[in-house]
Structures are given as C-alpha cells and as structure tokens.
Protein backbone atom coordinates (compact mmCIF):
# COMPACT_ATOMS: atom_id res chain seq x y z
CA SER A 1 85.86 51.29 102.76
CA LEU A 2 82.42 50.35 101.40
CA PRO A 3 81.97 50.08 97.62
CA ASP A 4 81.10 53.41 95.97
CA ALA A 5 77.80 52.10 94.60
CA ALA A 6 76.71 50.39 97.83
CA ASP A 7 73.23 51.16 99.18
CA ILE A 8 73.38 52.11 102.85
CA ASP A 9 70.43 51.48 105.16
CA MET A 10 70.36 53.28 108.53
CA VAL A 11 67.76 52.47 111.19
CA THR A 12 67.54 54.17 114.60
CA ASN A 13 65.95 52.60 117.67
CA GLU A 14 66.08 54.65 120.88
CA SER A 15 69.80 54.85 121.77
CA ARG A 16 71.04 52.56 118.99
CA MET A 17 71.60 52.85 115.25
CA THR A 18 71.99 49.97 112.82
CA VAL A 19 73.89 50.60 109.59
CA LYS A 20 73.64 48.00 106.80
CA ALA A 21 75.39 47.87 103.44
CA GLY A 22 75.37 44.63 101.47
CA LYS A 23 76.51 41.90 103.84
CA SER A 24 78.03 44.40 106.27
CA ARG A 25 76.16 45.31 109.44
CA PHE A 26 77.13 47.74 112.22
CA ASN A 27 75.23 48.25 115.47
CA LEU A 28 76.21 51.59 116.99
CA GLN A 29 75.59 53.45 120.23
CA THR A 30 74.08 56.95 119.85
CA LEU A 31 73.85 60.05 122.03
CA PRO A 32 70.86 62.38 122.53
CA ALA A 33 70.59 64.95 119.73
CA ALA A 34 69.59 67.55 122.32
CA ASP A 35 73.12 67.35 123.74
CA TYR A 36 74.71 68.38 120.43
CA PRO A 37 76.38 71.81 120.81
CA VAL A 38 74.62 74.72 119.14
CA MET A 39 76.67 77.62 117.80
CA THR A 40 75.35 80.90 119.15
CA LYS A 41 74.34 83.25 116.37
CA ALA A 42 76.41 86.41 116.28
CA SER A 43 74.59 89.61 117.12
CA GLY A 44 74.78 92.81 115.10
CA ILE A 45 75.73 93.44 111.50
CA GLY A 46 79.21 92.36 110.51
CA THR A 47 81.37 92.73 107.43
CA SER A 48 80.56 90.49 104.44
CA ILE A 49 82.99 89.96 101.57
CA THR A 50 83.25 87.56 98.63
CA ILE A 51 86.27 85.97 96.97
CA SER A 52 86.75 82.94 94.74
CA GLN A 53 87.40 79.56 96.33
CA LEU A 54 90.61 79.22 94.32
CA ALA A 55 91.94 82.58 95.49
CA LEU A 56 91.10 82.01 99.17
CA LYS A 57 92.59 78.52 99.17
CA LYS A 58 95.78 79.88 97.59
CA LEU A 59 96.02 82.63 100.22
CA PHE A 60 95.64 80.17 103.09
CA LYS A 61 98.20 77.74 101.65
CA GLN A 62 100.73 80.55 101.20
CA VAL A 63 100.78 81.38 104.92
CA GLU A 64 99.33 78.50 106.99
CA PHE A 65 102.73 76.83 107.52
CA ALA A 66 103.88 79.86 109.55
CA MET A 67 101.15 79.44 112.19
CA ALA A 68 102.20 78.39 115.67
CA GLN A 69 101.18 75.00 117.06
CA GLN A 70 99.97 74.87 120.67
CA ASP A 71 101.89 78.01 121.59
CA ILE A 72 101.27 79.46 125.05
CA ARG A 73 100.67 82.73 123.18
CA TYR A 74 97.28 81.49 122.04
CA TYR A 75 96.76 84.33 119.56
CA LEU A 76 99.56 82.86 117.40
CA ASN A 77 97.72 79.54 116.96
CA GLY A 78 95.80 80.82 113.96
CA LEU A 79 95.83 83.25 111.05
CA LEU A 80 94.98 86.94 111.03
CA LEU A 81 92.27 87.70 108.46
CA GLU A 82 92.20 91.44 107.87
CA VAL A 83 89.90 93.42 105.60
CA ASN A 84 91.29 96.88 104.88
CA GLN A 85 89.58 98.98 102.20
CA ASP A 86 89.76 96.79 99.06
CA ASN A 87 92.45 94.44 100.40
CA LEU A 88 92.11 91.05 102.05
CA ASN A 89 95.28 90.43 104.06
CA ILE A 90 96.12 87.10 105.69
CA VAL A 91 99.06 86.76 108.08
CA GLY A 92 100.60 83.89 110.03
CA THR A 93 103.46 83.92 112.53
CA ASP A 94 104.94 81.73 115.26
CA GLY A 95 107.25 84.41 116.64
CA HIS A 96 110.27 83.18 114.65
CA ARG A 97 108.91 83.79 111.15
CA LEU A 98 106.03 85.67 109.55
CA SER A 99 104.17 85.09 106.31
CA PHE A 100 101.98 87.76 104.68
CA THR A 101 99.78 87.55 101.62
CA SER A 102 97.14 89.83 100.14
CA ALA A 103 94.44 89.90 97.46
CA LYS A 104 92.23 92.61 96.00
CA LEU A 105 88.51 92.67 96.77
CA ASN A 106 85.78 93.93 94.47
CA GLN A 107 84.87 96.95 96.62
CA GLN A 108 85.94 99.10 99.57
CA TYR A 109 85.24 98.03 103.16
CA ASP A 110 85.81 99.46 106.61
CA LYS A 111 88.83 97.99 108.36
CA THR A 112 88.13 94.87 110.41
CA ASP A 113 90.10 91.79 111.43
CA VAL A 114 89.77 88.47 113.24
CA ILE A 115 92.12 85.63 114.20
CA ILE A 116 90.93 82.34 112.68
CA PRO A 117 91.86 79.22 114.71
CA ARG A 118 94.36 76.78 113.26
CA LYS A 119 91.84 73.93 113.03
CA THR A 120 89.44 76.11 111.03
CA VAL A 121 92.19 77.06 108.57
CA ILE A 122 93.21 73.42 108.03
CA GLU A 123 89.59 72.38 107.42
CA LEU A 124 89.00 75.21 104.96
CA ILE A 125 92.05 74.22 102.92
CA LYS A 126 90.60 70.69 102.69
CA LEU A 127 87.07 71.84 101.79
CA LEU A 128 87.75 74.67 99.32
CA ASN A 129 88.07 73.63 95.69
CA ASP A 130 90.11 75.07 92.83
CA SER A 131 87.21 76.84 91.12
CA GLU A 132 86.14 80.43 90.58
CA GLU A 133 82.96 79.82 92.58
CA GLU A 134 82.63 82.43 95.28
CA VAL A 135 83.07 82.11 99.02
CA ALA A 136 80.99 84.45 101.15
CA ILE A 137 82.86 85.45 104.31
CA GLU A 138 80.92 87.11 107.11
CA ILE A 139 82.94 88.58 109.96
CA ASN A 140 81.14 89.29 113.22
CA ALA A 141 82.15 89.90 116.81
CA GLY A 142 83.52 86.59 118.08
CA GLN A 143 82.56 84.63 114.97
CA VAL A 144 83.35 84.17 111.28
CA ASN A 145 81.22 82.32 108.70
CA PHE A 146 82.34 80.81 105.39
CA THR A 147 79.61 79.85 102.90
CA PHE A 148 80.50 78.09 99.64
CA SER A 149 79.16 75.28 97.44
CA ASP A 150 76.78 73.35 99.74
CA ILE A 151 78.85 74.08 102.83
CA ARG A 152 78.53 76.60 105.63
CA LEU A 153 81.39 76.62 108.12
CA ILE A 154 80.91 78.66 111.30
CA SER A 155 83.91 79.21 113.53
CA LYS A 156 84.63 81.04 116.72
CA VAL A 157 87.59 83.39 116.53
CA ILE A 158 90.56 83.70 118.85
CA ASP A 159 90.07 86.51 121.34
CA GLY A 160 93.47 88.17 121.43
CA LYS A 161 95.63 90.86 119.87
CA PHE A 162 97.65 89.72 116.88
CA PRO A 163 101.19 91.15 116.62
CA ASP A 164 101.61 94.30 114.52
CA TYR A 165 102.93 92.67 111.37
CA HIS A 166 103.73 96.04 109.79
CA ARG A 167 106.57 96.45 112.29
CA VAL A 168 107.99 93.02 111.46
CA ILE A 169 108.11 93.35 107.67
CA PRO A 170 111.29 95.32 106.81
CA THR A 171 111.24 98.11 104.24
CA ASN A 172 114.92 99.10 104.04
CA HIS A 173 116.87 95.91 103.29
CA GLN A 174 119.44 96.96 100.68
CA ASN A 175 121.41 93.73 100.16
CA THR A 176 119.30 91.72 97.73
CA PHE A 177 119.62 88.97 95.18
CA SER A 178 117.25 86.91 93.06
CA VAL A 179 117.66 83.20 92.55
CA ASN A 180 115.90 80.25 90.97
CA ARG A 181 113.54 78.86 93.59
CA LEU A 182 114.01 75.17 92.82
CA GLY A 183 117.78 75.56 92.60
CA VAL A 184 118.17 77.07 96.06
CA LEU A 185 115.48 74.76 97.49
CA THR A 186 117.27 71.58 96.46
CA ALA A 187 120.60 73.00 97.66
CA MET A 188 119.09 73.77 101.08
CA GLN A 189 117.52 70.33 101.29
CA ARG A 190 120.89 68.70 100.64
CA ALA A 191 122.72 70.94 103.11
CA SER A 192 120.06 70.36 105.77
CA ILE A 193 120.93 66.65 105.92
CA LEU A 194 123.94 67.44 108.12
CA SER A 195 122.36 70.25 110.13
CA ASN A 196 121.89 69.95 113.89
CA GLU A 197 118.76 67.84 114.43
CA LYS A 198 117.50 70.07 117.24
CA TYR A 199 118.28 73.59 116.02
CA ARG A 200 118.37 72.97 112.23
CA GLY A 201 120.82 75.81 111.68
CA ILE A 202 122.32 76.73 108.32
CA ARG A 203 124.70 79.56 107.40
CA MET A 204 124.08 81.71 104.34
CA VAL A 205 127.44 83.19 103.32
CA LEU A 206 127.18 85.91 100.69
CA SER A 207 130.12 87.28 98.73
CA ASN A 208 130.67 88.64 95.23
CA ASN A 209 128.32 86.70 92.91
CA ASN A 210 128.41 83.73 95.27
CA LEU A 211 126.15 82.12 97.86
CA LYS A 212 127.35 79.34 100.15
CA LEU A 213 125.02 77.25 102.29
CA ILE A 214 126.91 75.63 105.16
CA SER A 215 125.62 73.29 107.87
CA THR A 216 127.33 71.33 110.65
CA ASN A 217 126.20 68.95 113.37
CA THR A 218 127.37 67.71 116.77
CA GLU A 219 129.45 64.96 115.11
CA GLN A 220 131.55 67.68 113.42
CA GLU A 221 130.19 66.70 110.02
CA GLU A 222 129.76 69.49 107.49
CA ALA A 223 127.84 70.08 104.28
CA GLU A 224 128.49 72.94 101.88
CA GLU A 225 126.50 73.96 98.81
CA GLU A 226 127.66 76.74 96.49
CA LEU A 227 125.47 78.70 94.06
CA GLU A 228 126.36 81.36 91.51
CA ILE A 229 124.17 84.44 91.88
CA GLU A 230 124.16 88.06 90.73
CA TYR A 231 125.33 89.86 93.86
CA ASN A 232 127.94 92.60 94.35
CA GLN A 233 126.93 94.17 97.65
CA ASP A 234 127.99 93.64 101.29
CA SER A 235 129.60 90.34 102.24
CA LEU A 236 127.35 88.66 104.81
CA ASP A 237 127.39 85.55 106.99
CA ILE A 238 123.98 84.90 108.60
CA GLY A 239 122.48 81.85 110.31
CA PHE A 240 118.87 80.69 109.92
CA ASN A 241 116.69 77.73 110.77
CA VAL A 242 116.79 75.88 107.46
CA THR A 243 113.34 74.36 108.02
CA TYR A 244 111.80 77.84 107.95
CA LEU A 245 113.50 78.62 104.64
CA ILE A 246 112.53 75.29 103.07
CA ASP A 247 108.91 75.80 104.16
CA VAL A 248 108.53 79.03 102.23
CA LEU A 249 110.38 77.71 99.16
CA ASN A 250 107.99 74.75 99.07
CA ASN A 251 104.93 76.99 99.25
CA VAL A 252 105.78 79.55 96.57
CA ALA A 253 104.94 78.59 93.01
CA ASP A 254 106.97 81.26 91.19
CA GLU A 255 110.15 80.36 89.33
CA ASN A 256 112.33 83.03 90.95
CA ILE A 257 112.40 84.53 94.42
CA GLN A 258 114.26 87.42 96.02
CA PHE A 259 116.22 87.42 99.29
CA SER A 260 116.86 90.73 101.08
CA PHE A 261 119.04 91.57 104.10
CA ALA A 262 120.10 94.71 105.96
CA ASP A 263 123.23 93.36 107.65
CA ALA A 264 124.68 90.23 109.26
CA ASN A 265 122.27 90.49 112.22
CA SER A 266 119.09 91.30 110.35
CA SER A 267 116.04 89.29 109.46
CA CYS A 268 115.68 87.83 105.97
CA LEU A 269 112.89 89.11 103.74
CA ILE A 270 111.79 86.75 100.98
CA THR A 271 109.59 88.12 98.22
CA VAL A 272 108.52 87.33 94.68
CA PRO A 273 109.97 89.76 92.11
CA ASN A 274 107.37 92.23 90.80
CA ASP A 275 104.76 91.01 93.29
CA GLN A 276 104.13 92.94 96.50
CA ASN A 277 101.26 90.68 97.58
CA TYR A 278 103.49 88.09 99.25
CA LYS A 279 106.17 88.64 101.90
CA TYR A 280 107.96 86.20 104.19
CA VAL A 281 110.21 87.18 107.08
CA VAL A 282 112.45 84.82 109.05
CA MET A 283 114.53 85.87 112.05
CA PRO A 284 118.25 85.00 112.20
CA MET A 285 119.82 82.59 114.67
CA ARG A 286 123.28 82.26 116.19
CA ILE A 287 125.33 79.36 114.82
C-alpha cells in the first residue's frame, strides 16, 4: 500500500528489522536465517525441456481446474506433467472428471513424468507471463525446476502413481454434436440456478436436432433450456454435475466445442473440433 515511487529503508539489528518509507515506520521481529529451509539439490541427470511461457501458462490453465483439492488420494492433488517423445502432456483429474492437454516440443525425449503439487501449479500460473520467452523445465527424481525471466522455482513432486489417463479418455463415442460454446455455456448457467445445491445435477436430453438442459431442486422447482443442434443419432437422457461442465466451457477459448457420448450411461467427452490436443471427460451421475 506504499506509493510506487517511495524509497524504502531497511535496517537490521540482531533479531529486529526496521522498515521506513516516508513517514511510515515498521519495527519487525526476525528469525535466524540459518533456520530457513534449504531445498536439497536433486542428484543425477534429469530431463530438460524448453517451452514458451505463453504456451505453458495456457496448458496449465486448460487443466488446473480439474485437480482435486485436499483429496485423501494425495496423487490427485496436482497435475501430471509427462514428456513423451516430442509431446508435453499435462493431465488433471479429481476422480469425477479428467482434463488432458498437449503441446509439441522442439525435439524427441525419453518418456518421463512427475506429479506437480497443486500449490506449485497455482503459483506458476501467477508468475508466467504471456510472452514467447522460454521456460526451462528440468525434471529430476523427486524434484522439478522451472527457470524463466529472473525466476527459478524449485518444487518437490508428489510421490505416487497417477491414474492411467489413457484408459479414461474414450475413443469410441459415436453420438456426437457440435455447438457454440458461449450459447451452451449461458444456457447451462441459467439452468444451474435451480439445480440441487449439494449435487448440482443437470440432465442433458438429446433428441433429433434438439438438446434440452433440465434441472430440479428439493423444492420441486424446475428449469429447462432448449437448444437447436445438428443431431440425428440416438436419443439420450444423461445426468451430469453442471459445475464440471461449466468449468470446462469457461476454460476453452474456441468458438465451438464437440460433445460425444456412447450411450445413456457413458461418460461425456468434450473436445475442440479439428484439435486433438485437448480432451475433457466427465463422468455421469444419477438424477
């Protein structure tokens, strides 16, 4: 809250520090510098890759909302960062939904992966800028380093086995339709107003060239939104947590998105037409 041009004077005296700026004065207690934790340097030679700050920030923002928060399955409280040949894959899941994104690297690498803690991901999103300046990522056993601009961020990694995301992402969903992202987003936001506050359920009812979004609550109130779509496949009635759907619609920048289903009990696969680098899966719920 000090003025931007204020001169700050800091003086230390044994266990105290005095900070002065203009007519403001703060007398602070300090702790011994020797007690400050030191990050152990990783041993051995790890994998080092580079990617632009803009690209890495975009990748993190596309998937970070799917991370778990304080889950007893500790390996879900972070993102999987996987280097596989010339691909950088980043995956987040909380067990109910999964978000996958990928970017091309400038050369081939041996396969390696780590789970980056949630706090590290959040800090990186804050620190990375929207420039083409490179980020150097060094992956070692038990540790990952990010070096960019004048910053070096060193983080421990989560010691655990991340779920096999390949088994979660469906490849045979035949019932598909594309829709304007903002159109379906605003319709879901309106329908969610009357959804159950605890379970946040919404029904997606698909019929010939028609999509209905229906929600009800414990007071027997109901909301229904109807959208015209190009669809002439199986009629379906599937329930989902509307918050999970709204999250992905808010974090995709493309104008149109594609929904895919296998049947009335299947997961929902959300993709961007003509782009295989982003996939989002949400599991159904009973309503």
